[in-house]
C-alpha atoms as a PDB file:
ATOM      1  CA  MET A   1      -0.195  -0.164   0.008  1.00  0.00           C
ATOM      2  CA  THR A   2       1.084   3.727  -0.503  1.00  0.00           C
ATOM      3  CA  ASN A   3       1.939   5.990   2.414  1.00  0.00           C
ATOM      4  CA  LYS A   4      -1.053   7.809   2.121  1.00  0.00           C
ATOM      5  CA  LEU A   5      -3.501   4.381   2.423  1.00  0.00           C
ATOM      6  CA  TYR A   6      -0.988   3.240   5.484  1.00  0.00           C
ATOM      7  CA  PHE A   7      -2.369   5.845   7.492  1.00  0.00           C
ATOM      8  CA  VAL A   8      -5.780   5.655   6.602  1.00  0.00           C
ATOM      9  CA  ALA A   9      -5.649   2.291   7.574  1.00  0.00           C
ATOM     10  CA  ILE A  10      -3.978   3.205  10.991  1.00  0.00           C
ATOM     11  CA  LEU A  11      -6.942   5.719  11.258  1.00  0.00           C
ATOM     12  CA  PHE A  12      -9.792   2.980  10.584  1.00  0.00           C
ATOM     13  CA  CYS A  13      -7.701   0.687  12.784  1.00  0.00           C
ATOM     14  CA  ALA A  14      -8.070   3.563  15.692  1.00  0.00           C
ATOM     15  CA  LEU A  15     -11.773   4.300  15.115  1.00  0.00           C
ATOM     16  CA  GLY A  16     -12.600   0.786  14.856  1.00  0.00           C
ATOM     17  CA  LEU A  17     -13.843   0.807  11.240  1.00  0.00           C
ATOM     18  CA  GLY A  18     -11.701  -1.699   9.763  1.00  0.00           C
ATOM     19  CA  ALA A  19      -9.686  -5.115  10.118  1.00  0.00           C
ATOM     20  CA  CYS A  20      -6.759  -3.930  11.870  1.00  0.00           C
ATOM     21  CA  GLN A  21      -3.859  -5.962  10.367  1.00  0.00           C
ATOM     22  CA  THR A  22       0.034  -5.711  10.873  1.00  0.00           C
ATOM     23  CA  VAL A  23       2.103  -3.587   8.459  1.00  0.00           C
ATOM     24  CA  THR A  24       5.302  -4.742   7.960  1.00  0.00           C
ATOM     25  CA  GLN A  25       6.350  -2.623   4.684  1.00  0.00           C
ATOM     26  CA  ILE A  26       5.127   0.254   3.052  1.00  0.00           C
ATOM     27  CA  ASP A  27       4.958   0.101  -1.006  1.00  0.00           C
ATOM     28  CA  ASP A  28       5.689   3.366  -2.699  1.00  0.00           C
ATOM     29  CA  PRO A  29       5.861   3.645  -6.784  1.00  0.00           C
ATOM     30  CA  SER A  30       8.441   6.440  -5.809  1.00  0.00           C
ATOM     31  CA  ASN A  31      10.769   4.116  -4.372  1.00  0.00           C
ATOM     32  CA  THR A  32      13.026   3.116  -7.156  1.00  0.00           C
ATOM     33  CA  TYR A  33      16.381   3.364  -6.173  1.00  0.00           C
ATOM     34  CA  THR A  34      17.212  -0.696  -6.598  1.00  0.00           C
ATOM     35  CA  PRO A  35      20.191  -2.006  -8.631  1.00  0.00           C
ATOM     36  CA  GLU A  36      17.979  -2.817 -11.475  1.00  0.00           C
ATOM     37  CA  ALA A  37      16.803   0.984 -11.628  1.00  0.00           C
ATOM     38  CA  THR A  38      20.270   2.381 -11.022  1.00  0.00           C
ATOM     39  CA  TYR A  39      21.752  -0.246 -13.909  1.00  0.00           C
ATOM     40  CA  GLN A  40      19.663   1.527 -16.508  1.00  0.00           C
ATOM     41  CA  LYS A  41      20.950   5.065 -15.708  1.00  0.00           C
ATOM     42  CA  LEU A  42      24.441   3.779 -15.287  1.00  0.00           C
ATOM     43  CA  ILE A  43      24.871   1.544 -18.298  1.00  0.00           C
ATOM     44  CA  GLY A  44      25.552   4.144 -21.054  1.00  0.00           C
ATOM     45  CA  GLU A  45      28.655   5.677 -18.973  1.00  0.00           C
ATOM     46  CA  TYR A  46      29.595   1.985 -17.819  1.00  0.00           C
ATOM     47  CA  PRO A  47      28.850  -0.310 -20.529  1.00  0.00           C
ATOM     48  CA  PHE A  48      30.922  -3.153 -18.502  1.00  0.00           C
ATOM     49  CA  ILE A  49      28.983  -3.189 -15.008  1.00  0.00           C
ATOM     50  CA  SER A  50      26.395  -5.869 -14.054  1.00  0.00           C
ATOM     51  CA  ILE A  51      25.094  -6.777 -11.279  1.00  0.00           C
ATOM     52  CA  PRO A  52      26.260  -9.444  -8.910  1.00  0.00           C
ATOM     53  CA  ASP A  53      24.828 -12.599  -8.461  1.00  0.00           C
ATOM     54  CA  GLN A  54      22.129 -12.779  -6.257  1.00  0.00           C
ATOM     55  CA  LYS A  55      21.470 -16.652  -5.842  1.00  0.00           C
ATOM     56  CA  LEU A  56      22.372 -17.717  -1.908  1.00  0.00           C
ATOM     57  CA  PRO A  57      25.508 -19.665  -1.774  1.00  0.00           C
ATOM     58  CA  SER A  58      25.625 -22.917  -0.590  1.00  0.00           C
ATOM     59  CA  SER A  59      28.070 -22.342   2.119  1.00  0.00           C
ATOM     60  CA  VAL A  60      25.478 -19.163   3.597  1.00  0.00           C
ATOM     61  CA  LYS A  61      22.185 -19.614   5.347  1.00  0.00           C
ATOM     62  CA  GLU A  62      19.318 -17.257   4.786  1.00  0.00           C
ATOM     63  CA  ILE A  63      16.609 -16.142   6.812  1.00  0.00           C
ATOM     64  CA  LYS A  64      14.139 -13.793   5.805  1.00  0.00           C
ATOM     65  CA  ASN A  65      11.729 -11.468   7.456  1.00  0.00           C
ATOM     66  CA  ILE A  66      12.636 -11.283  11.169  1.00  0.00           C
ATOM     67  CA  SER A  67      10.707  -8.862  12.854  1.00  0.00           C
ATOM     68  CA  TYR A  68      12.866  -6.207  15.334  1.00  0.00           C
ATOM     69  CA  VAL A  69      10.915  -3.759  15.995  1.00  0.00           C
ATOM     70  CA  ARG A  70       7.093  -2.969  16.358  1.00  0.00           C
ATOM     71  CA  TYR A  71       5.928   0.695  16.166  1.00  0.00           C
ATOM     72  CA  GLY A  72       2.289  -0.153  16.731  1.00  0.00           C
ATOM     73  CA  LYS A  73       1.045  -1.980  13.730  1.00  0.00           C
ATOM     74  CA  ARG A  74       4.137  -0.901  11.811  1.00  0.00           C
ATOM     75  CA  VAL A  75       6.875  -4.080  12.130  1.00  0.00           C
ATOM     76  CA  LEU A  76      10.202  -3.594  10.779  1.00  0.00           C
ATOM     77  CA  GLN A  77      11.937  -6.389   9.735  1.00  0.00           C
ATOM     78  CA  LEU A  78      15.418  -7.598   8.650  1.00  0.00           C
ATOM     79  CA  ASP A  79      17.255 -10.437   6.953  1.00  0.00           C
ATOM     80  CA  LEU A  80      19.767 -12.986   8.575  1.00  0.00           C
ATOM     81  CA  TYR A  81      22.877 -14.075   6.270  1.00  0.00           C
ATOM     82  CA  LEU A  82      24.699 -16.623   8.320  1.00  0.00           C
ATOM     83  CA  PRO A  83      28.046 -19.134   7.609  1.00  0.00           C
ATOM     84  CA  VAL A  84      26.689 -22.484   7.640  1.00  0.00           C
ATOM     85  CA  SER A  85      29.959 -24.165   8.688  1.00  0.00           C
ATOM     86  CA  LYS A  86      30.275 -24.454  12.387  1.00  0.00           C
ATOM     87  CA  ILE A  87      33.325 -22.740  14.273  1.00  0.00           C
ATOM     88  CA  ASP A  88      34.065 -22.925  18.063  1.00  0.00           C
ATOM     89  CA  GLN A  89      34.031 -19.384  18.800  1.00  0.00           C
ATOM     90  CA  ALA A  90      31.243 -16.871  18.202  1.00  0.00           C
ATOM     91  CA  ARG A  91      31.170 -14.625  14.921  1.00  0.00           C
ATOM     92  CA  PRO A  92      31.698 -11.142  14.559  1.00  0.00           C
ATOM     93  CA  ALA A  93      28.811  -9.424  12.622  1.00  0.00           C
ATOM     94  CA  LEU A  94      28.018  -6.685  10.613  1.00  0.00           C
ATOM     95  CA  ILE A  95      24.462  -5.014   9.832  1.00  0.00           C
ATOM     96  CA  PHE A  96      23.760  -3.206   6.495  1.00  0.00           C
ATOM     97  CA  VAL A  97      21.874   0.039   6.251  1.00  0.00           C
ATOM     98  CA  HIS A  98      20.772   0.771   2.337  1.00  0.00           C
ATOM     99  CA  GLY A  99      20.768   4.064   0.911  1.00  0.00           C
ATOM    100  CA  GLY A 100      18.617   5.814  -1.310  1.00  0.00           C
ATOM    101  CA  GLY A 101      18.180   9.602   0.069  1.00  0.00           C
ATOM    102  CA  TRP A 102      16.840   9.060   3.427  1.00  0.00           C
ATOM    103  CA  ARG A 103      13.422   8.344   1.364  1.00  0.00           C
ATOM    104  CA  SER A 104      14.180   5.582  -0.991  1.00  0.00           C
ATOM    105  CA  GLY A 105      15.552   1.862  -1.001  1.00  0.00           C
ATOM    106  CA  TYR A 106      15.230  -1.443   0.007  1.00  0.00           C
ATOM    107  CA  ARG A 107      17.034  -3.551   2.448  1.00  0.00           C
ATOM    108  CA  THR A 108      17.110  -6.317  -0.414  1.00  0.00           C
ATOM    109  CA  ASN A 109      20.109  -3.979  -2.505  1.00  0.00           C
ATOM    110  CA  PHE A 110      22.640  -5.485  -0.037  1.00  0.00           C
ATOM    111  CA  ALA A 111      22.026  -9.031   0.172  1.00  0.00           C
ATOM    112  CA  PRO A 112      24.504  -9.993  -1.830  1.00  0.00           C
ATOM    113  CA  PHE A 113      27.215  -7.778  -0.295  1.00  0.00           C
ATOM    114  CA  ALA A 114      25.639  -9.762   2.924  1.00  0.00           C
ATOM    115  CA  MET A 115      26.057 -12.992   1.413  1.00  0.00           C
ATOM    116  CA  ALA A 116      29.469 -12.314   0.449  1.00  0.00           C
ATOM    117  CA  MET A 117      30.172 -11.022   4.163  1.00  0.00           C
ATOM    118  CA  ALA A 118      28.750 -14.701   5.404  1.00  0.00           C
ATOM    119  CA  GLU A 119      31.040 -16.654   3.184  1.00  0.00           C
ATOM    120  CA  ARG A 120      34.003 -14.692   4.793  1.00  0.00           C
ATOM    121  CA  GLY A 121      32.611 -15.808   7.984  1.00  0.00           C
ATOM    122  CA  TYR A 122      30.568 -13.029   9.295  1.00  0.00           C
ATOM    123  CA  VAL A 123      26.941 -12.872  10.587  1.00  0.00           C
ATOM    124  CA  ALA A 124      25.411 -10.422   8.320  1.00  0.00           C
ATOM    125  CA  ALA A 125      21.889  -8.707   8.631  1.00  0.00           C
ATOM    126  CA  THR A 126      20.211  -6.495   6.059  1.00  0.00           C
ATOM    127  CA  ILE A 127      17.750  -4.095   7.340  1.00  0.00           C
ATOM    128  CA  SER A 128      14.676  -1.902   6.661  1.00  0.00           C
ATOM    129  CA  TYR A 129      14.186   1.348   8.382  1.00  0.00           C
ATOM    130  CA  ARG A 130      11.482   3.924   8.363  1.00  0.00           C
ATOM    131  CA  LEU A 131      11.930   6.296   5.108  1.00  0.00           C
ATOM    132  CA  SER A 132      11.529  10.141   5.254  1.00  0.00           C
ATOM    133  CA  GLY A 133       8.083   9.784   3.893  1.00  0.00           C
ATOM    134  CA  GLU A 134       6.707   7.697   6.987  1.00  0.00           C
ATOM    135  CA  ALA A 135       8.986   9.270   9.265  1.00  0.00           C
ATOM    136  CA  GLN A 136      11.492  12.168   9.078  1.00  0.00           C
ATOM    137  CA  TYR A 137      14.887  12.345  11.476  1.00  0.00           C
ATOM    138  CA  PRO A 138      16.048  11.184  13.646  1.00  0.00           C
ATOM    139  CA  ALA A 139      13.420   7.883  13.323  1.00  0.00           C
ATOM    140  CA  ALA A 140      15.936   5.979  11.202  1.00  0.00           C
ATOM    141  CA  ILE A 141      18.748   6.758  13.724  1.00  0.00           C
ATOM    142  CA  TYR A 142      16.462   5.263  16.422  1.00  0.00           C
ATOM    143  CA  ASP A 143      15.470   1.910  13.828  1.00  0.00           C
ATOM    144  CA  VAL A 144      19.021   1.242  13.315  1.00  0.00           C
ATOM    145  CA  LYS A 145      20.381   1.318  17.070  1.00  0.00           C
ATOM    146  CA  THR A 146      17.266  -0.999  17.526  1.00  0.00           C
ATOM    147  CA  ALA A 147      18.481  -3.274  15.248  1.00  0.00           C
ATOM    148  CA  VAL A 148      21.886  -3.280  16.763  1.00  0.00           C
ATOM    149  CA  ARG A 149      20.297  -4.005  20.321  1.00  0.00           C
ATOM    150  CA  TRP A 150      18.162  -6.783  18.680  1.00  0.00           C
ATOM    151  CA  LEU A 151      21.205  -8.539  16.768  1.00  0.00           C
ATOM    152  CA  ARG A 152      23.192  -8.231  20.585  1.00  0.00           C
ATOM    153  CA  ALA A 153      20.190  -9.345  22.859  1.00  0.00           C
ATOM    154  CA  ASN A 154      19.753 -12.500  20.177  1.00  0.00           C
ATOM    155  CA  ALA A 155      23.928 -12.775  19.898  1.00  0.00           C
ATOM    156  CA  LYS A 156      23.992 -16.112  21.519  1.00  0.00           C
ATOM    157  CA  LYS A 157      20.956 -17.586  19.347  1.00  0.00           C
ATOM    158  CA  TYR A 158      22.834 -16.875  16.088  1.00  0.00           C
ATOM    159  CA  ASP A 159      26.331 -17.240  17.439  1.00  0.00           C
ATOM    160  CA  VAL A 160      27.293 -13.617  17.160  1.00  0.00           C
ATOM    161  CA  ASN A 161      29.797 -12.003  19.236  1.00  0.00           C
ATOM    162  CA  PRO A 162      28.238  -9.153  20.829  1.00  0.00           C
ATOM    163  CA  LYS A 163      31.486  -7.389  21.474  1.00  0.00           C
ATOM    164  CA  GLN A 164      32.261  -7.563  17.673  1.00  0.00           C
ATOM    165  CA  ILE A 165      29.173  -6.039  15.823  1.00  0.00           C
ATOM    166  CA  ALA A 166      29.921  -3.612  13.101  1.00  0.00           C
ATOM    167  CA  ILE A 167      27.372  -1.546  11.199  1.00  0.00           C
ATOM    168  CA  ALA A 168      27.511  -0.411   7.291  1.00  0.00           C
ATOM    169  CA  GLY A 169      25.619   1.628   4.986  1.00  0.00           C
ATOM    170  CA  GLY A 170      26.271   2.776   1.811  1.00  0.00           C
ATOM    171  CA  SER A 171      25.065   6.443   0.322  1.00  0.00           C
ATOM    172  CA  ALA A 172      22.336   7.793   3.014  1.00  0.00           C
ATOM    173  CA  GLY A 173      22.769   4.532   4.467  1.00  0.00           C
ATOM    174  CA  GLY A 174      26.652   5.442   4.789  1.00  0.00           C
ATOM    175  CA  GLN A 175      25.522   8.634   6.739  1.00  0.00           C
ATOM    176  CA  ILE A 176      23.028   6.821   9.265  1.00  0.00           C
ATOM    177  CA  ALA A 177      25.554   4.542   9.456  1.00  0.00           C
ATOM    178  CA  SER A 178      27.976   6.625  10.851  1.00  0.00           C
ATOM    179  CA  LEU A 179      25.594   8.990  13.018  1.00  0.00           C
ATOM    180  CA  THR A 180      24.232   5.544  14.854  1.00  0.00           C
ATOM    181  CA  GLY A 181      28.043   4.484  15.509  1.00  0.00           C
ATOM    182  CA  VAL A 182      29.320   7.721  16.567  1.00  0.00           C
ATOM    183  CA  THR A 183      26.346   8.803  18.781  1.00  0.00           C
ATOM    184  CA  ALA A 184      26.612   5.883  21.168  1.00  0.00           C
ATOM    185  CA  GLY A 185      25.460   6.416  24.851  1.00  0.00           C
ATOM    186  CA  ILE A 186      23.551   9.739  23.680  1.00  0.00           C
ATOM    187  CA  PHE A 187      19.674   8.656  25.043  1.00  0.00           C
ATOM    188  CA  LYS A 188      18.534  11.487  22.208  1.00  0.00           C
ATOM    189  CA  PHE A 189      19.476   8.976  19.669  1.00  0.00           C
ATOM    190  CA  ASP A 190      18.311   6.403  21.418  1.00  0.00           C
ATOM    191  CA  PRO A 191      15.158   6.209  23.481  1.00  0.00           C
ATOM    192  CA  GLN A 192      15.166   2.486  24.031  1.00  0.00           C
ATOM    193  CA  ALA A 193      18.020   2.918  26.114  1.00  0.00           C
ATOM    194  CA  LYS A 194      16.159   3.917  29.036  1.00  0.00           C
ATOM    195  CA  LYS A 195      14.527   0.535  29.244  1.00  0.00           C
ATOM    196  CA  SER A 196      16.895  -2.033  27.826  1.00  0.00           C
ATOM    197  CA  SER A 197      20.201  -3.047  29.566  1.00  0.00           C
ATOM    198  CA  VAL A 198      21.479  -4.389  26.035  1.00  0.00           C
ATOM    199  CA  SER A 199      23.691  -1.775  24.299  1.00  0.00           C
ATOM    200  CA  SER A 200      23.269  -0.476  20.865  1.00  0.00           C
ATOM    201  CA  ASP A 201      26.779   0.522  20.681  1.00  0.00           C
ATOM    202  CA  VAL A 202      29.226  -0.886  17.691  1.00  0.00           C
ATOM    203  CA  GLN A 203      32.507  -1.999  17.277  1.00  0.00           C
ATOM    204  CA  ALA A 204      33.506  -0.589  13.952  1.00  0.00           C
ATOM    205  CA  ILE A 205      31.423   2.044  11.033  1.00  0.00           C
ATOM    206  CA  ILE A 206      31.980   1.517   7.522  1.00  0.00           C
ATOM    207  CA  ASN A 207      30.643   4.159   5.443  1.00  0.00           C
ATOM    208  CA  ILE A 208      30.282   3.651   1.973  1.00  0.00           C
ATOM    209  CA  ASP A 209      30.121   6.902  -0.103  1.00  0.00           C
ATOM    210  CA  GLY A 210      28.213   8.456   2.795  1.00  0.00           C
ATOM    211  CA  LEU A 211      28.045  12.233   3.997  1.00  0.00           C
ATOM    212  CA  SER A 212      29.670  12.999   7.050  1.00  0.00           C
ATOM    213  CA  ASP A 213      28.839  16.703   7.334  1.00  0.00           C
ATOM    214  CA  PHE A 214      25.659  18.341   6.266  1.00  0.00           C
ATOM    215  CA  THR A 215      26.676  21.500   7.660  1.00  0.00           C
ATOM    216  CA  SER A 216      29.814  22.286   4.646  1.00  0.00           C
ATOM    217  CA  GLU A 217      29.118  24.781   2.002  1.00  0.00           C
ATOM    218  CA  ALA A 218      29.704  21.689  -0.230  1.00  0.00           C
ATOM    219  CA  ALA A 219      27.135  19.384   1.180  1.00  0.00           C
ATOM    220  CA  ARG A 220      24.477  22.099   1.291  1.00  0.00           C
ATOM    221  CA  PHE A 221      25.162  22.754  -2.219  1.00  0.00           C
ATOM    222  CA  HIS A 222      23.397  19.481  -3.396  1.00  0.00           C
ATOM    223  CA  GLU A 223      21.575  18.854  -0.259  1.00  0.00           C
ATOM    224  CA  ASP A 224      20.049  21.900  -0.293  1.00  0.00           C
ATOM    225  CA  ASP A 225      19.285  22.408  -3.860  1.00  0.00           C
ATOM    226  CA  PRO A 226      16.668  25.482  -4.034  1.00  0.00           C
ATOM    227  CA  ARG A 227      15.686  23.640  -7.561  1.00  0.00           C
ATOM    228  CA  LYS A 228      14.551  20.520  -5.596  1.00  0.00           C
ATOM    229  CA  THR A 229      11.104  21.254  -3.538  1.00  0.00           C
ATOM    230  CA  PRO A 230      12.466  19.567  -1.418  1.00  0.00           C
ATOM    231  CA  SER A 231      15.698  17.951  -1.606  1.00  0.00           C
ATOM    232  CA  ALA A 232      16.009  14.654  -0.071  1.00  0.00           C
ATOM    233  CA  ALA A 233      17.745  15.448   2.960  1.00  0.00           C
ATOM    234  CA  GLY A 234      15.290  18.671   3.108  1.00  0.00           C
ATOM    235  CA  ALA A 235      12.549  16.115   3.177  1.00  0.00           C
ATOM    236  CA  TRP A 236      14.411  14.035   5.793  1.00  0.00           C
ATOM    237  CA  PHE A 237      14.986  16.934   8.139  1.00  0.00           C
ATOM    238  CA  GLY A 238      11.189  18.772   7.272  1.00  0.00           C
ATOM    239  CA  GLY A 239      12.952  21.735   6.128  1.00  0.00           C
ATOM    240  CA  ARG A 240      15.877  23.401   4.272  1.00  0.00           C
ATOM    241  CA  TYR A 241      19.335  24.478   6.135  1.00  0.00           C
ATOM    242  CA  ALA A 242      17.950  27.911   6.661  1.00  0.00           C
ATOM    243  CA  ASP A 243      15.157  26.874   8.534  1.00  0.00           C
ATOM    244  CA  LYS A 244      16.449  23.530  10.306  1.00  0.00           C
ATOM    245  CA  THR A 245      20.141  24.573  10.890  1.00  0.00           C
ATOM    246  CA  GLU A 246      20.123  23.194  14.410  1.00  0.00           C
ATOM    247  CA  LEU A 247      18.759  19.621  13.085  1.00  0.00           C
ATOM    248  CA  TRP A 248      21.480  19.889  10.119  1.00  0.00           C
ATOM    249  CA  HIS A 249      24.502  20.299  12.352  1.00  0.00           C
ATOM    250  CA  GLU A 250      22.952  17.429  14.579  1.00  0.00           C
ATOM    251  CA  ALA A 251      22.730  14.597  11.896  1.00  0.00           C
ATOM    252  CA  SER A 252      26.459  15.331  11.170  1.00  0.00           C
ATOM    253  CA  PRO A 253      28.512  12.676  12.127  1.00  0.00           C
ATOM    254  CA  ILE A 254      31.716  14.834  12.085  1.00  0.00           C
ATOM    255  CA  PHE A 255      30.800  16.733  15.379  1.00  0.00           C
ATOM    256  CA  TYR A 256      30.681  13.429  17.350  1.00  0.00           C
ATOM    257  CA  VAL A 257      34.398  12.401  17.135  1.00  0.00           C
ATOM    258  CA  ASN A 258      35.676  11.559  20.514  1.00  0.00           C
ATOM    259  CA  LYS A 259      38.117   9.502  22.313  1.00  0.00           C
ATOM    260  CA  ASN A 260      35.558   6.433  22.011  1.00  0.00           C
ATOM    261  CA  THR A 261      34.327   6.820  18.859  1.00  0.00           C
ATOM    262  CA  PRO A 262      34.519   3.590  16.861  1.00  0.00           C
ATOM    263  CA  PRO A 263      37.187   2.648  13.922  1.00  0.00           C
ATOM    264  CA  ILE A 264      36.116   4.110  10.364  1.00  0.00           C
ATOM    265  CA  LEU A 265      36.214   2.966   6.825  1.00  0.00           C
ATOM    266  CA  PHE A 266      35.393   5.418   4.426  1.00  0.00           C
ATOM    267  CA  LEU A 267      35.117   3.639   1.378  1.00  0.00           C
ATOM    268  CA  ILE A 268      34.505   5.699  -1.374  1.00  0.00           C
ATOM    269  CA  SER A 269      33.673   6.664  -4.900  1.00  0.00           C
ATOM    270  CA  ALA A 270      35.273   9.176  -7.566  1.00  0.00           C
ATOM    271  CA  GLN A 271      31.989  11.065  -7.319  1.00  0.00           C
ATOM    272  CA  GLU A 272      33.841  13.528  -4.187  1.00  0.00           C
ATOM    273  CA  ARG A 273      30.074  15.518  -3.275  1.00  0.00           C
ATOM    274  CA  PHE A 274      28.769  12.224  -1.704  1.00  0.00           C
ATOM    275  CA  SER A 275      31.505  11.801   1.070  1.00  0.00           C
ATOM    276  CA  VAL A 276      32.006  15.369   2.075  1.00  0.00           C
ATOM    277  CA  GLY A 277      33.311  15.823   5.404  1.00  0.00           C
ATOM    278  CA  HIS A 278      35.058  12.501   5.656  1.00  0.00           C
ATOM    279  CA  LYS A 279      38.685  14.413   5.499  1.00  0.00           C
ATOM    280  CA  GLU A 280      37.741  16.655   8.060  1.00  0.00           C
ATOM    281  CA  MET A 281      36.446  13.792  10.436  1.00  0.00           C
ATOM    282  CA  ILE A 282      39.667  12.225  10.261  1.00  0.00           C
ATOM    283  CA  GLU A 283      41.806  15.189  10.866  1.00  0.00           C
ATOM    284  CA  LYS A 284      39.755  15.032  14.498  1.00  0.00           C
ATOM    285  CA  MET A 285      40.338  11.031  14.795  1.00  0.00           C
ATOM    286  CA  LYS A 286      43.715  11.142  14.130  1.00  0.00           C
ATOM    287  CA  PRO A 287      44.870  13.188  17.676  1.00  0.00           C
ATOM    288  CA  LEU A 288      42.411  10.473  19.433  1.00  0.00           C
ATOM    289  CA  GLY A 289      44.500   7.659  17.899  1.00  0.00           C
ATOM    290  CA  ILE A 290      40.906   6.469  16.179  1.00  0.00           C
ATOM    291  CA  PRO A 291      42.162   3.631  13.474  1.00  0.00           C
ATOM    292  CA  TYR A 292      40.231   4.866  10.370  1.00  0.00           C
ATOM    293  CA  GLN A 293      41.337   3.777   6.653  1.00  0.00           C
ATOM    294  CA  VAL A 294      40.265   5.393   3.184  1.00  0.00           C
ATOM    295  CA  THR A 295      39.652   3.222   0.324  1.00  0.00           C
ATOM    296  CA  LYS A 296      38.747   5.097  -2.828  1.00  0.00           C
ATOM    297  CA  ILE A 297      38.112   3.118  -6.018  1.00  0.00           C
ATOM    298  CA  PRO A 298      38.735   5.135  -8.975  1.00  0.00           C
ATOM    299  CA  ASN A 299      36.817   5.831 -11.999  1.00  0.00           C
ATOM    300  CA  THR A 300      33.724   4.817 -10.002  1.00  0.00           C
ATOM    301  CA  PRO A 301      30.174   6.173 -10.074  1.00  0.00           C
ATOM    302  CA  HIS A 302      28.324   6.675  -6.692  1.00  0.00           C
ATOM    303  CA  SER A 303      26.270   3.408  -6.000  1.00  0.00           C
ATOM    304  CA  PHE A 304      29.440   1.306  -7.051  1.00  0.00           C
ATOM    305  CA  TRP A 305      28.968  -1.265  -4.445  1.00  0.00           C
ATOM    306  CA  LEU A 306      26.342  -2.628  -6.094  1.00  0.00           C
ATOM    307  CA  PHE A 307      27.815  -3.621  -9.450  1.00  0.00           C
ATOM    308  CA  ASP A 308      30.283  -5.582 -10.911  1.00  0.00           C
ATOM    309  CA  PRO A 309      33.879  -5.092 -11.254  1.00  0.00           C
ATOM    310  CA  TRP A 310      33.379  -3.118  -8.206  1.00  0.00           C
ATOM    311  CA  PHE A 311      31.695  -5.230  -5.764  1.00  0.00           C
ATOM    312  CA  LYS A 312      34.139  -7.433  -4.898  1.00  0.00           C
ATOM    313  CA  THR A 313      36.682  -5.015  -4.528  1.00  0.00           C
ATOM    314  CA  SER A 314      33.996  -3.644  -1.798  1.00  0.00           C
ATOM    315  CA  VAL A 315      33.266  -6.794  -0.352  1.00  0.00           C
ATOM    316  CA  ASP A 316      37.402  -7.304   0.413  1.00  0.00           C
ATOM    317  CA  ALA A 317      38.228  -4.015   1.447  1.00  0.00           C
ATOM    318  CA  VAL A 318      35.332  -4.311   4.173  1.00  0.00           C
ATOM    319  CA  ALA A 319      36.678  -7.753   5.124  1.00  0.00           C
ATOM    320  CA  LYS A 320      39.861  -6.822   5.439  1.00  0.00           C
ATOM    321  CA  PHE A 321      38.935  -3.974   7.801  1.00  0.00           C
ATOM    322  CA  LEU A 322      36.884  -5.864  10.110  1.00  0.00           C
ATOM    323  CA  ASP A 323      39.167  -8.581   9.858  1.00  0.00           C
ATOM    324  CA  GLN A 324      41.977  -6.041  11.316  1.00  0.00           C
ATOM    325  CA  GLN A 325      39.605  -4.242  13.890  1.00  0.00           C
ATOM    326  CA  PHE A 326      38.213  -7.570  15.120  1.00  0.00           C
ATOM    327  CA  LYS A 327      41.664  -9.707  15.121  1.00  0.00           C
ATOM    328  CA  VAL A 328      40.236 -12.183  12.755  1.00  0.00           C
ATOM    329  CA  THR A 329      42.186 -15.177  11.548  1.00  0.00           C
ATOM    330  CA  ARG A 330      40.963 -17.253   8.571  1.00  0.00           C
ATOM    331  CA  SER A 331      41.580 -20.396   6.836  1.00  0.00           C
ATOM    332  CA  ASP A 332      41.957 -20.730   3.007  1.00  0.00           C
ATOM    333  CA  SER A 333      38.482 -21.389   2.880  1.00  0.00           C
ATOM    334  CA  GLY A 334      37.615 -17.709   4.447  1.00  0.00           C
ATOM    335  CA  GLN A 335      35.763 -19.125   7.279  1.00  0.00           C
END
């Protein structure tokens, strides 16, 4: 159903005028951020690209449509990818946050990446979160922190090491993942923390071509474009920079760097505007000794991680970084 029909359904439930059903997703015809649609936009300039195989490898187990949080009748779900092979110790885990300008995209966009990480011995989850058309900032941050808390609470069930959980995202998902990771312990971003003893902290961040500073001139030039009514960021914040300056500042990961900030991998494209602020953020991290890495894949468009020939390079970069941070030793099989 569309966003409008969703809210009508909730109204009918509240008034007792119709059957009340749990809503697990909101269908929106304008939500076209998929690998297939993006492929059509890029194929002219990059005729050699292809979408990675989405077939589940025999070495990976998939558990789909796991509900991780409920808001009234609205339920958010995730898909889990686990290595089939058994090992003696719990595994590190990685949660993926899809992109789409804070208003579109699907968790399935990261399914091939999650499968590839599971092949390398990680438990990987792809999550849905509330997009701007349903709930504006900071709802998405609440959702992602709740997903981290859910995975940690269920760590024993899925053989996850609760002390080794990373958050990753691409584009808008990269910004969301980064903000989720750097705001550990700040109740404003995690209202569930007041009633839960389970932490939503992460031990590493993977920001794939996502903004680190909404307030910079370069970011505002694109994200606050007056020709767009509203821009993607404007729709998420509920207003332009001049009207919602405090929120644009508050949502910028760069302003939360501190001694407890987790290690960060900035995996970026050749399109510099999408990763604005990462250099300045690193300059704040250096004096504090916070581990970081910048991996730039040359001659790439935005959304490069969705396509071959860059897909494997992206997976390798993420796996190598997390292996280093979590001190993972692996056999030749990657397990």
